[in-house]
């Protein structure tokens, strides 16, 4: 762990934080891996086996 991270944690706990778990965020989820998205990608790959990498994600509106 870097010193800067330790300093941030020390500061947060000295300001009254009591929990080490992450706080609830209103941001989008870190992953977009759902059964629906997996099925879309598989279908696109079945239709064109030459696709690799991110193009199939962009084609199916799944942006990484």
C-alpha atoms as a PDB file:
ATOM      1  CA  UNK A   1       0.000   0.000   0.000  1.00  0.00           C
ATOM      2  CA  UNK A   2       1.361   3.421  -0.908  1.00  0.00           C
ATOM      3  CA  UNK A   3       2.031   6.056   1.723  1.00  0.00           C
ATOM      4  CA  UNK A   4      -0.467   8.445   0.140  1.00  0.00           C
ATOM      5  CA  UNK A   5      -3.255   5.882   0.549  1.00  0.00           C
ATOM      6  CA  UNK A   6      -2.316   5.376   4.191  1.00  0.00           C
ATOM      7  CA  UNK A   7      -2.353   9.142   4.776  1.00  0.00           C
ATOM      8  CA  UNK A   8      -5.838   9.381   3.224  1.00  0.00           C
ATOM      9  CA  UNK A   9      -7.136   6.593   5.472  1.00  0.00           C
ATOM     10  CA  UNK A  10      -5.589   8.173   8.576  1.00  0.00           C
ATOM     11  CA  UNK A  11      -7.200  11.490   7.689  1.00  0.00           C
ATOM     12  CA  UNK A  12     -10.623   9.904   7.104  1.00  0.00           C
ATOM     13  CA  UNK A  13     -10.557   8.012  10.399  1.00  0.00           C
ATOM     14  CA  UNK A  14      -9.339  11.053  12.313  1.00  0.00           C
ATOM     15  CA  UNK A  15     -12.332  12.946  10.846  1.00  0.00           C
ATOM     16  CA  UNK A  16     -14.709  10.372  12.330  1.00  0.00           C
ATOM     17  CA  UNK A  17     -14.992   7.572   9.833  1.00  0.00           C
ATOM     18  CA  UNK A  18     -15.651   4.258  11.581  1.00  0.00           C
ATOM     19  CA  UNK A  19     -16.055   1.734   8.777  1.00  0.00           C
ATOM     20  CA  UNK A  20     -13.510   0.257   6.389  1.00  0.00           C
ATOM     21  CA  UNK A  21     -16.139  -0.756   3.814  1.00  0.00           C
ATOM     22  CA  UNK A  22     -16.811   1.357   0.753  1.00  0.00           C
ATOM     23  CA  UNK A  23     -19.572   3.924   0.925  1.00  0.00           C
ATOM     24  CA  UNK A  24     -22.573   3.625  -1.394  1.00  0.00           C
ATOM     25  CA  UNK A  25     -21.981   5.386  -4.713  1.00  0.00           C
ATOM     26  CA  UNK A  26     -24.404   6.634  -7.308  1.00  0.00           C
ATOM     27  CA  UNK A  27     -22.002   5.893 -10.169  1.00  0.00           C
ATOM     28  CA  UNK A  28     -22.648   3.250 -12.792  1.00  0.00           C
ATOM     29  CA  UNK A  29     -21.486  -0.260 -11.897  1.00  0.00           C
ATOM     30  CA  UNK A  30     -17.842  -1.091 -12.516  1.00  0.00           C
ATOM     31  CA  UNK A  31     -18.825  -4.010 -14.715  1.00  0.00           C
ATOM     32  CA  UNK A  32     -21.337  -4.383 -17.505  1.00  0.00           C
ATOM     33  CA  UNK A  33     -21.040  -8.143 -17.537  1.00  0.00           C
ATOM     34  CA  UNK A  34     -24.607  -9.368 -17.566  1.00  0.00           C
ATOM     35  CA  UNK A  35     -26.198 -12.427 -19.118  1.00  0.00           C
ATOM     36  CA  UNK A  36     -27.878 -10.183 -21.694  1.00  0.00           C
ATOM     37  CA  UNK A  37     -24.590  -8.534 -22.726  1.00  0.00           C
ATOM     38  CA  UNK A  38     -22.795 -11.879 -22.900  1.00  0.00           C
ATOM     39  CA  UNK A  39     -25.536 -13.234 -25.164  1.00  0.00           C
ATOM     40  CA  UNK A  40     -25.263 -10.170 -27.449  1.00  0.00           C
ATOM     41  CA  UNK A  41     -21.504 -10.569 -27.811  1.00  0.00           C
ATOM     42  CA  UNK A  42     -21.793 -14.306 -28.475  1.00  0.00           C
ATOM     43  CA  UNK A  43     -24.388 -13.674 -31.192  1.00  0.00           C
ATOM     44  CA  UNK A  44     -22.184 -11.055 -32.864  1.00  0.00           C
ATOM     45  CA  UNK A  45     -19.191 -13.432 -32.763  1.00  0.00           C
ATOM     46  CA  UNK A  46     -21.263 -16.267 -34.235  1.00  0.00           C
ATOM     47  CA  UNK A  47     -22.233 -14.016 -37.130  1.00  0.00           C
ATOM     48  CA  UNK A  48     -18.663 -12.877 -37.825  1.00  0.00           C
ATOM     49  CA  UNK A  49     -15.859 -14.987 -36.352  1.00  0.00           C
ATOM     50  CA  UNK A  50     -13.200 -12.560 -37.611  1.00  0.00           C
ATOM     51  CA  UNK A  51     -14.108  -9.946 -34.995  1.00  0.00           C
ATOM     52  CA  UNK A  52     -11.761  -9.617 -32.040  1.00  0.00           C
ATOM     53  CA  UNK A  53     -11.336  -7.246 -29.126  1.00  0.00           C
ATOM     54  CA  UNK A  54     -13.485  -4.169 -28.630  1.00  0.00           C
ATOM     55  CA  UNK A  55     -15.236  -3.824 -32.022  1.00  0.00           C
ATOM     56  CA  UNK A  56     -17.929  -6.312 -31.006  1.00  0.00           C
ATOM     57  CA  UNK A  57     -18.513  -4.362 -27.806  1.00  0.00           C
ATOM     58  CA  UNK A  58     -19.000  -1.131 -29.731  1.00  0.00           C
ATOM     59  CA  UNK A  59     -21.320  -2.837 -32.211  1.00  0.00           C
ATOM     60  CA  UNK A  60     -23.592  -4.010 -29.410  1.00  0.00           C
ATOM     61  CA  UNK A  61     -23.567  -0.702 -27.485  1.00  0.00           C
ATOM     62  CA  UNK A  62     -21.436  -2.192 -24.727  1.00  0.00           C
ATOM     63  CA  UNK A  63     -18.643   0.255 -24.084  1.00  0.00           C
ATOM     64  CA  UNK A  64     -15.751  -0.792 -21.876  1.00  0.00           C
END
